[in-house]
């Protein structure tokens, strides 16, 4: 059996580390998705308009405890979106995750233009959020 020389083996481990980290860390658009057992609401106080076509708003995502008990490792989150009122699209810009004491546990920021805007399905909660944001 042949083994790699130590410097080469160490290089292989170091090179693989970023790939592993990328696979285990969810992206902001994945974290923003409302999963089974969760409920989301638009935070009306967070709405800001930038001219006639751009807006910003936050959505609070929490566990719906009427359905079933909350998982022990569950973290509620605040998802910040940017809205394009002209196109009717929204893009995740940041996510704040909170521990069970209500303290910020993690913040994830999506760099500008790193995620594609999504056009919500007509009649969905997301479409209603954009409509509310854009009417201000």
N, C-alpha and C. Protein backbone atom coordinates (compact mmCIF):
# COMPACT_ATOMS: atom_id res chain seq x y z
N UNK A 1 0.84 -1.17 0.00
CA UNK A 1 0.00 0.00 0.00
C UNK A 1 0.89 1.24 0.00
N UNK A 2 0.60 2.16 -0.90
CA UNK A 2 1.37 3.40 -0.96
C UNK A 2 0.60 4.51 -0.27
N UNK A 3 1.32 5.38 0.34
CA UNK A 3 0.67 6.52 0.99
C UNK A 3 1.25 7.78 0.40
N UNK A 4 0.49 8.82 0.49
CA UNK A 4 0.93 10.11 -0.03
C UNK A 4 1.98 10.70 0.90
N UNK A 5 2.94 11.40 0.38
CA UNK A 5 3.87 12.11 1.26
C UNK A 5 3.08 13.12 2.10
N UNK A 6 3.54 13.38 3.29
CA UNK A 6 2.81 14.24 4.23
C UNK A 6 2.46 15.61 3.64
N UNK A 7 3.39 16.33 2.99
CA UNK A 7 2.99 17.63 2.44
C UNK A 7 1.87 17.51 1.40
N UNK A 8 1.91 16.47 0.57
CA UNK A 8 0.88 16.29 -0.45
C UNK A 8 -0.45 15.93 0.20
N UNK A 9 -0.42 15.07 1.23
CA UNK A 9 -1.65 14.69 1.92
C UNK A 9 -2.27 15.91 2.59
N UNK A 10 -1.47 16.75 3.23
CA UNK A 10 -1.97 17.95 3.88
C UNK A 10 -2.58 18.91 2.86
N UNK A 11 -1.96 19.04 1.70
CA UNK A 11 -2.49 19.89 0.64
C UNK A 11 -3.86 19.39 0.19
N UNK A 12 -4.01 18.07 0.07
CA UNK A 12 -5.30 17.50 -0.35
C UNK A 12 -6.39 17.80 0.67
N UNK A 13 -6.06 17.71 1.96
CA UNK A 13 -7.04 17.99 3.02
C UNK A 13 -7.43 19.46 2.99
N UNK A 14 -6.46 20.34 2.87
CA UNK A 14 -6.74 21.77 2.85
C UNK A 14 -7.56 22.15 1.63
N UNK A 15 -7.27 21.57 0.49
CA UNK A 15 -8.01 21.87 -0.74
C UNK A 15 -9.45 21.40 -0.64
N UNK A 16 -9.70 20.31 0.07
CA UNK A 16 -11.06 19.76 0.18
C UNK A 16 -11.89 20.53 1.20
N UNK A 17 -11.26 21.22 2.14
CA UNK A 17 -11.99 21.91 3.22
C UNK A 17 -13.00 22.91 2.70
N UNK A 18 -12.68 23.82 1.74
CA UNK A 18 -13.68 24.77 1.27
C UNK A 18 -14.86 24.08 0.60
N UNK A 19 -14.62 22.99 -0.10
CA UNK A 19 -15.71 22.27 -0.76
C UNK A 19 -16.65 21.73 0.29
N UNK A 20 -16.13 21.15 1.35
CA UNK A 20 -16.97 20.62 2.42
C UNK A 20 -17.76 21.74 3.07
N UNK A 21 -17.12 22.86 3.35
CA UNK A 21 -17.80 23.99 3.99
C UNK A 21 -18.93 24.51 3.12
N UNK A 22 -18.73 24.56 1.81
CA UNK A 22 -19.77 25.04 0.92
C UNK A 22 -20.97 24.12 0.92
N UNK A 23 -20.73 22.83 1.04
CA UNK A 23 -21.83 21.87 1.00
C UNK A 23 -22.65 21.89 2.28
N UNK A 24 -22.04 22.24 3.43
CA UNK A 24 -22.75 22.18 4.69
C UNK A 24 -23.39 23.50 5.10
N UNK A 25 -22.99 24.60 4.51
CA UNK A 25 -23.56 25.90 4.84
C UNK A 25 -24.66 26.24 3.84
N UNK A 26 -25.92 26.32 4.31
CA UNK A 26 -27.00 26.66 3.37
C UNK A 26 -26.83 28.07 2.82
N UNK A 27 -27.24 28.26 1.59
CA UNK A 27 -27.17 29.57 0.97
C UNK A 27 -28.35 30.42 1.46
N UNK A 28 -28.25 31.75 1.34
CA UNK A 28 -29.34 32.61 1.82
C UNK A 28 -30.70 32.28 1.19
N UNK A 29 -30.72 31.95 -0.11
CA UNK A 29 -32.02 31.66 -0.73
C UNK A 29 -32.63 30.37 -0.18
N UNK A 30 -31.81 29.42 0.23
CA UNK A 30 -32.31 28.18 0.84
C UNK A 30 -32.82 28.47 2.24
N UNK A 31 -32.07 29.26 3.01
CA UNK A 31 -32.50 29.61 4.37
C UNK A 31 -33.78 30.45 4.37
N UNK A 32 -34.02 31.19 3.31
CA UNK A 32 -35.21 32.05 3.24
C UNK A 32 -36.49 31.26 2.98
N UNK A 33 -36.36 30.06 2.48
CA UNK A 33 -37.55 29.26 2.15
C UNK A 33 -38.34 28.91 3.41
N UNK A 34 -39.65 29.01 3.32
CA UNK A 34 -40.52 28.67 4.43
C UNK A 34 -40.80 27.17 4.35
N UNK A 35 -40.37 26.49 5.38
CA UNK A 35 -40.46 25.03 5.38
C UNK A 35 -41.74 24.54 6.04
N UNK A 36 -42.01 23.28 5.86
CA UNK A 36 -43.17 22.65 6.46
C UNK A 36 -43.11 22.83 7.98
N UNK A 37 -44.16 23.32 8.58
CA UNK A 37 -44.21 23.55 10.01
C UNK A 37 -43.92 24.99 10.41
N UNK A 38 -43.55 25.82 9.43
CA UNK A 38 -43.25 27.22 9.72
C UNK A 38 -44.36 28.12 9.21
N UNK A 39 -44.40 29.31 9.78
CA UNK A 39 -45.30 30.35 9.28
C UNK A 39 -44.49 31.63 9.14
N UNK A 40 -44.91 32.48 8.21
CA UNK A 40 -44.18 33.72 7.95
C UNK A 40 -45.17 34.88 7.88
N UNK A 41 -44.67 36.04 8.31
CA UNK A 41 -45.50 37.24 8.23
C UNK A 41 -44.62 38.43 7.84
N UNK A 42 -45.21 39.30 7.06
CA UNK A 42 -44.54 40.53 6.64
C UNK A 42 -44.49 41.48 7.83
N UNK A 43 -43.32 42.04 8.11
CA UNK A 43 -43.17 43.05 9.16
C UNK A 43 -43.44 44.40 8.52
N UNK A 44 -44.64 44.93 8.72
CA UNK A 44 -45.04 46.19 8.08
C UNK A 44 -44.14 47.36 8.49
N UNK A 45 -43.59 47.33 9.69
CA UNK A 45 -42.72 48.40 10.15
C UNK A 45 -41.38 48.43 9.42
N UNK A 46 -41.04 47.35 8.75
CA UNK A 46 -39.73 47.26 8.08
C UNK A 46 -39.75 47.78 6.64
N UNK A 47 -40.92 48.08 6.11
CA UNK A 47 -41.02 48.47 4.70
C UNK A 47 -40.38 49.83 4.45
N UNK A 48 -39.51 49.85 3.45
CA UNK A 48 -38.87 51.11 3.02
C UNK A 48 -38.96 51.15 1.50
N UNK A 49 -39.21 52.32 0.97
CA UNK A 49 -39.24 52.51 -0.49
C UNK A 49 -38.07 53.37 -0.89
N UNK A 50 -37.50 53.05 -2.04
CA UNK A 50 -36.41 53.82 -2.64
C UNK A 50 -36.87 54.22 -4.03
N UNK A 51 -37.47 55.40 -4.13
CA UNK A 51 -38.05 55.81 -5.40
C UNK A 51 -39.35 55.06 -5.64
N UNK A 52 -39.74 54.98 -6.91
CA UNK A 52 -41.00 54.32 -7.26
C UNK A 52 -40.85 52.83 -7.53
N UNK A 53 -39.64 52.38 -7.78
CA UNK A 53 -39.50 51.01 -8.25
C UNK A 53 -38.81 50.06 -7.28
N UNK A 54 -38.10 50.56 -6.29
CA UNK A 54 -37.36 49.68 -5.38
C UNK A 54 -37.92 49.75 -3.97
N UNK A 55 -37.93 48.60 -3.30
CA UNK A 55 -38.39 48.55 -1.93
C UNK A 55 -37.60 47.54 -1.14
N UNK A 56 -37.71 47.63 0.16
CA UNK A 56 -37.05 46.70 1.07
C UNK A 56 -38.06 46.31 2.12
N UNK A 57 -38.06 45.05 2.53
CA UNK A 57 -38.97 44.61 3.57
C UNK A 57 -38.43 43.36 4.26
N UNK A 58 -38.91 43.13 5.48
CA UNK A 58 -38.50 41.96 6.26
C UNK A 58 -39.70 41.04 6.45
N UNK A 59 -39.39 39.76 6.49
CA UNK A 59 -40.38 38.73 6.77
C UNK A 59 -39.89 37.95 7.99
N UNK A 60 -40.76 37.78 8.96
CA UNK A 60 -40.42 37.02 10.17
C UNK A 60 -40.90 35.58 9.96
N UNK A 61 -40.00 34.63 10.13
CA UNK A 61 -40.32 33.21 9.96
C UNK A 61 -40.15 32.52 11.31
N UNK A 62 -41.23 31.93 11.80
CA UNK A 62 -41.23 31.24 13.09
C UNK A 62 -41.89 29.88 12.95
N UNK A 63 -41.69 29.06 13.96
CA UNK A 63 -42.31 27.73 13.98
C UNK A 63 -43.77 27.88 14.36
N UNK A 64 -44.65 27.19 13.64
CA UNK A 64 -46.09 27.19 13.93
C UNK A 64 -46.35 26.08 14.94
N UNK A 65 -46.37 26.45 16.21
CA UNK A 65 -46.47 25.44 17.27
C UNK A 65 -47.85 24.81 17.39
N UNK A 66 -48.82 25.29 16.61
CA UNK A 66 -50.13 24.66 16.63
C UNK A 66 -50.10 23.36 15.85
N UNK A 67 -49.17 23.24 14.90
CA UNK A 67 -49.03 22.04 14.08
C UNK A 67 -48.39 20.90 14.85
N UNK A 68 -47.21 21.16 15.37
CA UNK A 68 -46.44 20.13 16.08
C UNK A 68 -45.35 20.83 16.89
N UNK A 69 -44.75 20.10 17.84
CA UNK A 69 -43.71 20.71 18.67
C UNK A 69 -42.52 21.19 17.85
N UNK A 70 -41.91 22.28 18.31
CA UNK A 70 -40.76 22.86 17.63
C UNK A 70 -39.54 21.96 17.85
N UNK A 71 -38.74 21.72 16.79
CA UNK A 71 -37.50 20.95 16.95
C UNK A 71 -36.55 21.66 17.92
N UNK A 72 -35.76 20.90 18.65
CA UNK A 72 -34.86 21.46 19.65
C UNK A 72 -33.83 22.41 19.05
N UNK A 73 -33.40 22.16 17.82
CA UNK A 73 -32.36 22.99 17.19
C UNK A 73 -32.93 24.08 16.29
N UNK A 74 -34.22 24.34 16.38
CA UNK A 74 -34.86 25.32 15.49
C UNK A 74 -34.45 26.75 15.83
N UNK A 75 -34.15 27.55 14.80
CA UNK A 75 -33.84 28.97 14.96
C UNK A 75 -34.80 29.81 14.13
N UNK A 76 -35.63 30.65 14.77
CA UNK A 76 -36.47 31.55 13.98
C UNK A 76 -35.58 32.55 13.25
N UNK A 77 -36.11 33.18 12.21
CA UNK A 77 -35.28 34.08 11.42
C UNK A 77 -36.05 35.26 10.87
N UNK A 78 -35.30 36.28 10.54
CA UNK A 78 -35.81 37.49 9.89
C UNK A 78 -35.13 37.53 8.53
N UNK A 79 -35.94 37.50 7.49
CA UNK A 79 -35.42 37.50 6.12
C UNK A 79 -35.66 38.87 5.51
N UNK A 80 -34.60 39.52 5.05
CA UNK A 80 -34.72 40.82 4.40
C UNK A 80 -34.71 40.62 2.89
N UNK A 81 -35.68 41.23 2.24
CA UNK A 81 -35.81 41.15 0.79
C UNK A 81 -35.69 42.54 0.18
N UNK A 82 -35.22 42.58 -1.04
CA UNK A 82 -35.28 43.76 -1.88
C UNK A 82 -36.35 43.47 -2.93
N UNK A 83 -37.22 44.42 -3.19
CA UNK A 83 -38.30 44.24 -4.16
C UNK A 83 -38.09 45.17 -5.34
N UNK A 84 -38.39 44.67 -6.52
CA UNK A 84 -38.41 45.49 -7.73
C UNK A 84 -39.88 45.59 -8.12
N UNK A 85 -40.50 46.72 -7.82
CA UNK A 85 -41.93 46.89 -8.04
C UNK A 85 -42.29 46.90 -9.51
N UNK A 86 -41.40 47.38 -10.36
CA UNK A 86 -41.65 47.42 -11.79
C UNK A 86 -41.76 46.01 -12.37
N UNK A 87 -40.88 45.12 -11.92
CA UNK A 87 -40.85 43.76 -12.45
C UNK A 87 -41.65 42.77 -11.61
N UNK A 88 -42.03 43.17 -10.39
CA UNK A 88 -42.77 42.28 -9.50
C UNK A 88 -41.91 41.15 -8.97
N UNK A 89 -40.62 41.45 -8.73
CA UNK A 89 -39.70 40.41 -8.25
C UNK A 89 -39.15 40.78 -6.88
N UNK A 90 -38.59 39.78 -6.22
CA UNK A 90 -37.96 39.99 -4.93
C UNK A 90 -36.69 39.16 -4.85
N UNK A 91 -35.72 39.68 -4.07
CA UNK A 91 -34.43 39.02 -3.92
C UNK A 91 -34.04 39.03 -2.46
N UNK A 92 -33.57 37.90 -1.95
CA UNK A 92 -33.08 37.83 -0.58
C UNK A 92 -31.82 38.66 -0.47
N UNK A 93 -31.75 39.52 0.56
CA UNK A 93 -30.52 40.29 0.74
C UNK A 93 -29.81 39.94 2.05
N UNK A 94 -30.54 39.50 3.07
CA UNK A 94 -29.90 39.13 4.33
C UNK A 94 -30.84 38.28 5.17
N UNK A 95 -30.25 37.51 6.07
CA UNK A 95 -31.04 36.68 6.99
C UNK A 95 -30.41 36.79 8.37
N UNK A 96 -31.25 37.03 9.36
CA UNK A 96 -30.82 37.01 10.75
C UNK A 96 -31.47 35.82 11.43
N UNK A 97 -30.66 35.01 12.10
CA UNK A 97 -31.17 33.83 12.81
C UNK A 97 -31.03 34.10 14.31
N UNK A 98 -32.07 33.75 15.08
CA UNK A 98 -32.13 34.08 16.49
C UNK A 98 -32.16 32.84 17.36
N UNK A 99 -31.48 32.91 18.52
CA UNK A 99 -31.50 31.79 19.45
C UNK A 99 -32.79 31.81 20.26
N UNK A 100 -32.94 30.86 21.16
CA UNK A 100 -34.21 30.76 21.90
C UNK A 100 -34.41 31.90 22.89
N UNK A 101 -33.36 32.70 23.16
CA UNK A 101 -33.48 33.88 24.02
C UNK A 101 -33.79 35.14 23.23
N UNK A 102 -33.91 35.01 21.92
CA UNK A 102 -34.21 36.16 21.08
C UNK A 102 -32.98 36.96 20.67
N UNK A 103 -31.80 36.45 21.00
CA UNK A 103 -30.56 37.12 20.63
C UNK A 103 -30.12 36.65 19.24
N UNK A 104 -29.50 37.55 18.49
CA UNK A 104 -29.04 37.19 17.15
C UNK A 104 -27.96 36.12 17.28
N UNK A 105 -28.14 35.01 16.59
CA UNK A 105 -27.18 33.91 16.64
C UNK A 105 -26.29 33.90 15.41
N UNK A 106 -26.85 34.33 14.28
CA UNK A 106 -26.09 34.31 13.04
C UNK A 106 -26.72 35.27 12.05
N UNK A 107 -25.89 35.95 11.28
CA UNK A 107 -26.35 36.83 10.21
C UNK A 107 -25.69 36.38 8.92
N UNK A 108 -26.49 36.24 7.90
CA UNK A 108 -25.98 35.84 6.59
C UNK A 108 -26.40 36.91 5.59
N UNK A 109 -25.44 37.46 4.87
CA UNK A 109 -25.71 38.51 3.90
C UNK A 109 -25.44 37.98 2.50
N UNK A 110 -26.36 38.24 1.60
CA UNK A 110 -26.17 37.87 0.20
C UNK A 110 -25.57 39.07 -0.52
N UNK A 111 -24.38 38.93 -1.06
CA UNK A 111 -23.78 40.07 -1.78
C UNK A 111 -24.68 40.51 -2.93
N UNK A 112 -24.64 41.80 -3.27
CA UNK A 112 -25.48 42.30 -4.38
C UNK A 112 -25.28 41.47 -5.65
N UNK A 113 -26.37 41.18 -6.31
CA UNK A 113 -26.42 40.43 -7.57
C UNK A 113 -25.88 39.00 -7.46
N UNK A 114 -25.80 38.46 -6.23
CA UNK A 114 -25.33 37.08 -6.08
C UNK A 114 -26.48 36.08 -6.22
N UNK A 115 -27.72 36.54 -6.06
CA UNK A 115 -28.89 35.68 -6.19
C UNK A 115 -29.81 36.24 -7.27
N UNK A 116 -30.45 35.36 -7.98
CA UNK A 116 -31.39 35.79 -9.00
C UNK A 116 -32.71 36.22 -8.36
N UNK A 117 -33.31 37.30 -8.86
CA UNK A 117 -34.63 37.69 -8.36
C UNK A 117 -35.66 36.62 -8.70
N UNK A 118 -36.64 36.47 -7.83
CA UNK A 118 -37.72 35.52 -8.11
C UNK A 118 -39.02 36.28 -8.30
N UNK A 119 -39.85 35.78 -9.17
CA UNK A 119 -41.18 36.34 -9.39
C UNK A 119 -42.15 35.39 -8.71
N UNK A 120 -42.78 35.83 -7.63
CA UNK A 120 -43.68 34.94 -6.88
C UNK A 120 -44.89 34.50 -7.70
N UNK A 121 -45.38 33.35 -7.35
CA UNK A 121 -46.59 32.80 -7.97
C UNK A 121 -47.77 33.68 -7.59
N UNK A 122 -48.60 34.00 -8.57
CA UNK A 122 -49.77 34.85 -8.34
C UNK A 122 -50.64 34.24 -7.23
N UNK A 123 -51.03 35.09 -6.27
CA UNK A 123 -51.88 34.65 -5.16
C UNK A 123 -51.11 34.10 -3.97
N UNK A 124 -49.79 33.92 -4.10
CA UNK A 124 -48.99 33.40 -2.99
C UNK A 124 -48.76 34.49 -1.94
N UNK A 125 -48.31 34.08 -0.76
CA UNK A 125 -47.98 35.05 0.28
C UNK A 125 -46.91 36.03 -0.21
N UNK A 126 -45.93 35.50 -0.94
CA UNK A 126 -44.85 36.33 -1.45
C UNK A 126 -45.37 37.41 -2.40
N UNK A 127 -46.33 37.05 -3.26
CA UNK A 127 -46.92 38.01 -4.18
C UNK A 127 -47.68 39.09 -3.41
N UNK A 128 -48.34 38.70 -2.32
CA UNK A 128 -49.05 39.67 -1.48
C UNK A 128 -48.07 40.62 -0.80
N UNK A 129 -46.92 40.09 -0.37
CA UNK A 129 -45.92 40.94 0.28
C UNK A 129 -45.43 42.01 -0.69
N UNK A 130 -45.11 41.59 -1.91
CA UNK A 130 -44.62 42.56 -2.90
C UNK A 130 -45.68 43.62 -3.18
N UNK A 131 -46.93 43.19 -3.32
CA UNK A 131 -48.01 44.14 -3.57
C UNK A 131 -48.12 45.15 -2.43
N UNK A 132 -48.03 44.68 -1.18
CA UNK A 132 -48.11 45.59 -0.04
C UNK A 132 -46.93 46.56 -0.01
N UNK A 133 -45.74 46.05 -0.27
CA UNK A 133 -44.54 46.89 -0.25
C UNK A 133 -44.62 47.95 -1.34
N UNK A 134 -45.05 47.56 -2.51
CA UNK A 134 -45.04 48.47 -3.67
C UNK A 134 -46.17 49.50 -3.66
N UNK A 135 -47.18 49.30 -2.81
CA UNK A 135 -48.26 50.28 -2.79
C UNK A 135 -47.96 51.46 -1.86
N UNK A 136 -46.89 51.38 -1.09
CA UNK A 136 -46.52 52.49 -0.20
C UNK A 136 -46.00 53.65 -0.99
